[in-house]
Amino acid sequence: MTLKEVKPGITVKVKKLLGEGAVKRRIMDMGLTKGVDVYVRKIAPLGDPVEITVRGYELSVRKADAELVEVQ
């Protein structure tokens, strides 16, 4: 399952980051690394962006980037 598929109000753990190069580095720089807990706060009406809480701060992630974060 990817971060994009998680329903609002659920906390998940990052299992794996997909993608390569600069895209993967950008996701990691946002604090989304393997093993970190992510709380999905809400999803915009059209599904983009996804608002999450990670490492104690709020973050909005594009749908395309959320697809690259595998969670459990």
N, C-alpha and C. Protein backbone atom coordinates (compact mmCIF):
# COMPACT_ATOMS: atom_id res chain seq x y z
N MET A 1 0.85 -1.17 0.00
CA MET A 1 0.00 0.00 0.00
C MET A 1 0.90 1.24 0.00
N THR A 2 0.47 2.27 -0.68
CA THR A 2 1.24 3.52 -0.72
C THR A 2 0.57 4.58 0.15
N LEU A 3 1.29 5.64 0.43
CA LEU A 3 0.77 6.73 1.26
C LEU A 3 -0.47 7.35 0.62
N LYS A 4 -0.54 7.36 -0.69
CA LYS A 4 -1.69 7.92 -1.40
C LYS A 4 -2.98 7.16 -1.09
N GLU A 5 -2.89 5.87 -0.81
CA GLU A 5 -4.06 5.02 -0.59
C GLU A 5 -4.58 5.03 0.84
N VAL A 6 -3.83 5.64 1.77
CA VAL A 6 -4.22 5.65 3.18
C VAL A 6 -5.36 6.65 3.41
N LYS A 7 -6.34 6.24 4.18
CA LYS A 7 -7.49 7.10 4.49
C LYS A 7 -7.13 8.09 5.60
N PRO A 8 -7.75 9.26 5.61
CA PRO A 8 -7.48 10.25 6.67
C PRO A 8 -7.79 9.70 8.06
N GLY A 9 -6.98 10.11 9.04
CA GLY A 9 -7.17 9.68 10.42
C GLY A 9 -6.40 8.43 10.79
N ILE A 10 -5.60 7.90 9.89
CA ILE A 10 -4.86 6.67 10.13
C ILE A 10 -3.36 6.96 10.21
N THR A 11 -2.69 6.30 11.16
CA THR A 11 -1.24 6.40 11.29
C THR A 11 -0.60 5.16 10.69
N VAL A 12 0.39 5.35 9.84
CA VAL A 12 1.10 4.24 9.20
C VAL A 12 2.60 4.42 9.39
N LYS A 13 3.35 3.39 9.08
CA LYS A 13 4.80 3.41 9.18
C LYS A 13 5.38 3.27 7.79
N VAL A 14 6.39 4.10 7.48
CA VAL A 14 7.03 4.04 6.17
C VAL A 14 7.83 2.74 6.08
N LYS A 15 7.55 1.98 5.04
CA LYS A 15 8.19 0.68 4.82
C LYS A 15 9.35 0.81 3.83
N LYS A 16 9.12 1.58 2.75
CA LYS A 16 10.10 1.65 1.68
C LYS A 16 9.84 2.89 0.84
N LEU A 17 10.90 3.48 0.31
CA LEU A 17 10.77 4.61 -0.61
C LEU A 17 11.06 4.13 -2.01
N LEU A 18 10.13 4.38 -2.91
CA LEU A 18 10.33 4.02 -4.31
C LEU A 18 10.91 5.24 -5.02
N GLY A 19 11.23 5.11 -6.27
CA GLY A 19 11.80 6.25 -7.00
C GLY A 19 13.32 6.27 -6.86
N GLU A 20 13.94 7.14 -7.63
CA GLU A 20 15.40 7.19 -7.63
C GLU A 20 15.89 8.63 -7.72
N GLY A 21 17.14 8.82 -7.42
CA GLY A 21 17.81 10.09 -7.62
C GLY A 21 17.23 11.25 -6.84
N ALA A 22 17.06 12.37 -7.53
CA ALA A 22 16.62 13.62 -6.90
C ALA A 22 15.23 13.50 -6.27
N VAL A 23 14.36 12.72 -6.88
CA VAL A 23 13.00 12.56 -6.35
C VAL A 23 13.05 11.86 -4.99
N LYS A 24 13.80 10.79 -4.90
CA LYS A 24 13.93 10.06 -3.64
C LYS A 24 14.60 10.94 -2.58
N ARG A 25 15.61 11.69 -2.97
CA ARG A 25 16.31 12.58 -2.04
C ARG A 25 15.36 13.65 -1.50
N ARG A 26 14.51 14.21 -2.35
CA ARG A 26 13.56 15.24 -1.93
C ARG A 26 12.57 14.68 -0.91
N ILE A 27 12.10 13.46 -1.14
CA ILE A 27 11.17 12.82 -0.20
C ILE A 27 11.86 12.59 1.15
N MET A 28 13.10 12.14 1.11
CA MET A 28 13.84 11.91 2.34
C MET A 28 14.12 13.23 3.07
N ASP A 29 14.39 14.29 2.34
CA ASP A 29 14.63 15.60 2.96
C ASP A 29 13.39 16.13 3.67
N MET A 30 12.21 15.70 3.24
CA MET A 30 10.97 16.11 3.90
C MET A 30 10.76 15.36 5.22
N GLY A 31 11.60 14.37 5.51
CA GLY A 31 11.48 13.62 6.75
C GLY A 31 10.84 12.26 6.59
N LEU A 32 10.48 11.90 5.38
CA LEU A 32 9.87 10.60 5.12
C LEU A 32 10.96 9.57 4.86
N THR A 33 11.40 8.93 5.94
CA THR A 33 12.43 7.90 5.82
C THR A 33 11.89 6.59 6.37
N LYS A 34 12.57 5.51 6.07
CA LYS A 34 12.13 4.17 6.49
C LYS A 34 11.96 4.11 8.01
N GLY A 35 10.82 3.58 8.43
CA GLY A 35 10.56 3.36 9.85
C GLY A 35 9.84 4.49 10.57
N VAL A 36 9.68 5.64 9.94
CA VAL A 36 9.04 6.78 10.60
C VAL A 36 7.51 6.65 10.52
N ASP A 37 6.83 7.09 11.60
CA ASP A 37 5.37 7.07 11.64
C ASP A 37 4.82 8.30 10.94
N VAL A 38 3.75 8.10 10.16
CA VAL A 38 3.12 9.18 9.41
C VAL A 38 1.62 9.13 9.70
N TYR A 39 1.07 10.28 10.13
CA TYR A 39 -0.37 10.40 10.37
C TYR A 39 -0.98 11.17 9.21
N VAL A 40 -1.95 10.56 8.54
CA VAL A 40 -2.63 11.21 7.42
C VAL A 40 -3.74 12.08 7.99
N ARG A 41 -3.57 13.40 7.92
CA ARG A 41 -4.54 14.35 8.48
C ARG A 41 -5.76 14.50 7.59
N LYS A 42 -5.53 14.84 6.34
CA LYS A 42 -6.65 14.97 5.40
C LYS A 42 -6.14 14.93 3.97
N ILE A 43 -7.09 14.72 3.07
CA ILE A 43 -6.79 14.67 1.64
C ILE A 43 -7.67 15.73 0.98
N ALA A 44 -7.08 16.53 0.11
CA ALA A 44 -7.83 17.58 -0.58
C ALA A 44 -8.96 16.96 -1.40
N PRO A 45 -10.01 17.73 -1.68
CA PRO A 45 -11.17 17.20 -2.40
C PRO A 45 -10.84 16.49 -3.72
N LEU A 46 -9.88 16.98 -4.45
CA LEU A 46 -9.51 16.32 -5.71
C LEU A 46 -8.36 15.34 -5.53
N GLY A 47 -7.97 15.07 -4.27
CA GLY A 47 -6.94 14.08 -3.99
C GLY A 47 -5.52 14.62 -4.02
N ASP A 48 -5.35 15.90 -4.25
CA ASP A 48 -4.00 16.45 -4.34
C ASP A 48 -3.98 17.84 -3.71
N PRO A 49 -3.25 18.11 -2.66
CA PRO A 49 -2.25 17.28 -1.99
C PRO A 49 -2.82 16.46 -0.84
N VAL A 50 -1.95 15.65 -0.25
CA VAL A 50 -2.26 14.87 0.94
C VAL A 50 -1.58 15.57 2.10
N GLU A 51 -2.34 15.88 3.14
CA GLU A 51 -1.78 16.57 4.30
C GLU A 51 -1.45 15.55 5.37
N ILE A 52 -0.20 15.53 5.81
CA ILE A 52 0.26 14.53 6.78
C ILE A 52 0.99 15.21 7.94
N THR A 53 1.14 14.47 9.02
CA THR A 53 1.98 14.89 10.14
C THR A 53 3.10 13.87 10.25
N VAL A 54 4.33 14.37 10.19
CA VAL A 54 5.50 13.51 10.26
C VAL A 54 6.57 14.20 11.11
N ARG A 55 7.13 13.46 12.05
CA ARG A 55 8.18 13.99 12.94
C ARG A 55 7.75 15.27 13.66
N GLY A 56 6.46 15.37 13.98
CA GLY A 56 5.96 16.49 14.75
C GLY A 56 5.60 17.74 13.97
N TYR A 57 5.64 17.71 12.66
CA TYR A 57 5.23 18.88 11.88
C TYR A 57 4.31 18.48 10.75
N GLU A 58 3.49 19.46 10.30
CA GLU A 58 2.54 19.22 9.22
C GLU A 58 3.23 19.40 7.88
N LEU A 59 2.84 18.58 6.93
CA LEU A 59 3.46 18.59 5.62
C LEU A 59 2.40 18.26 4.57
N SER A 60 2.44 18.97 3.46
CA SER A 60 1.55 18.66 2.35
C SER A 60 2.39 18.00 1.26
N VAL A 61 1.95 16.84 0.82
CA VAL A 61 2.70 16.05 -0.16
C VAL A 61 1.85 15.89 -1.42
N ARG A 62 2.46 16.11 -2.56
CA ARG A 62 1.74 15.91 -3.82
C ARG A 62 1.37 14.44 -3.98
N LYS A 63 0.30 14.21 -4.71
CA LYS A 63 -0.19 12.85 -4.95
C LYS A 63 0.89 11.99 -5.61
N ALA A 64 1.62 12.57 -6.56
CA ALA A 64 2.69 11.85 -7.26
C ALA A 64 3.79 11.41 -6.31
N ASP A 65 4.11 12.25 -5.32
CA ASP A 65 5.14 11.89 -4.34
C ASP A 65 4.61 10.87 -3.34
N ALA A 66 3.33 10.99 -2.97
CA ALA A 66 2.72 10.04 -2.03
C ALA A 66 2.70 8.62 -2.60
N GLU A 67 2.62 8.51 -3.91
CA GLU A 67 2.64 7.18 -4.56
C GLU A 67 3.99 6.50 -4.42
N LEU A 68 5.03 7.27 -4.16
CA LEU A 68 6.39 6.72 -4.06
C LEU A 68 6.76 6.29 -2.66
N VAL A 69 5.84 6.45 -1.70
CA VAL A 69 6.11 6.08 -0.30
C VAL A 69 5.27 4.85 0.03
N GLU A 70 5.93 3.73 0.18
CA GLU A 70 5.26 2.47 0.53
C GLU A 70 5.14 2.40 2.04
N VAL A 71 3.93 2.11 2.54
CA VAL A 71 3.68 2.08 3.98
C VAL A 71 3.02 0.77 4.41
N GLN A 72 3.01 0.56 5.72
CA GLN A 72 2.35 -0.63 6.28
C GLN A 72 1.52 -0.24 7.48
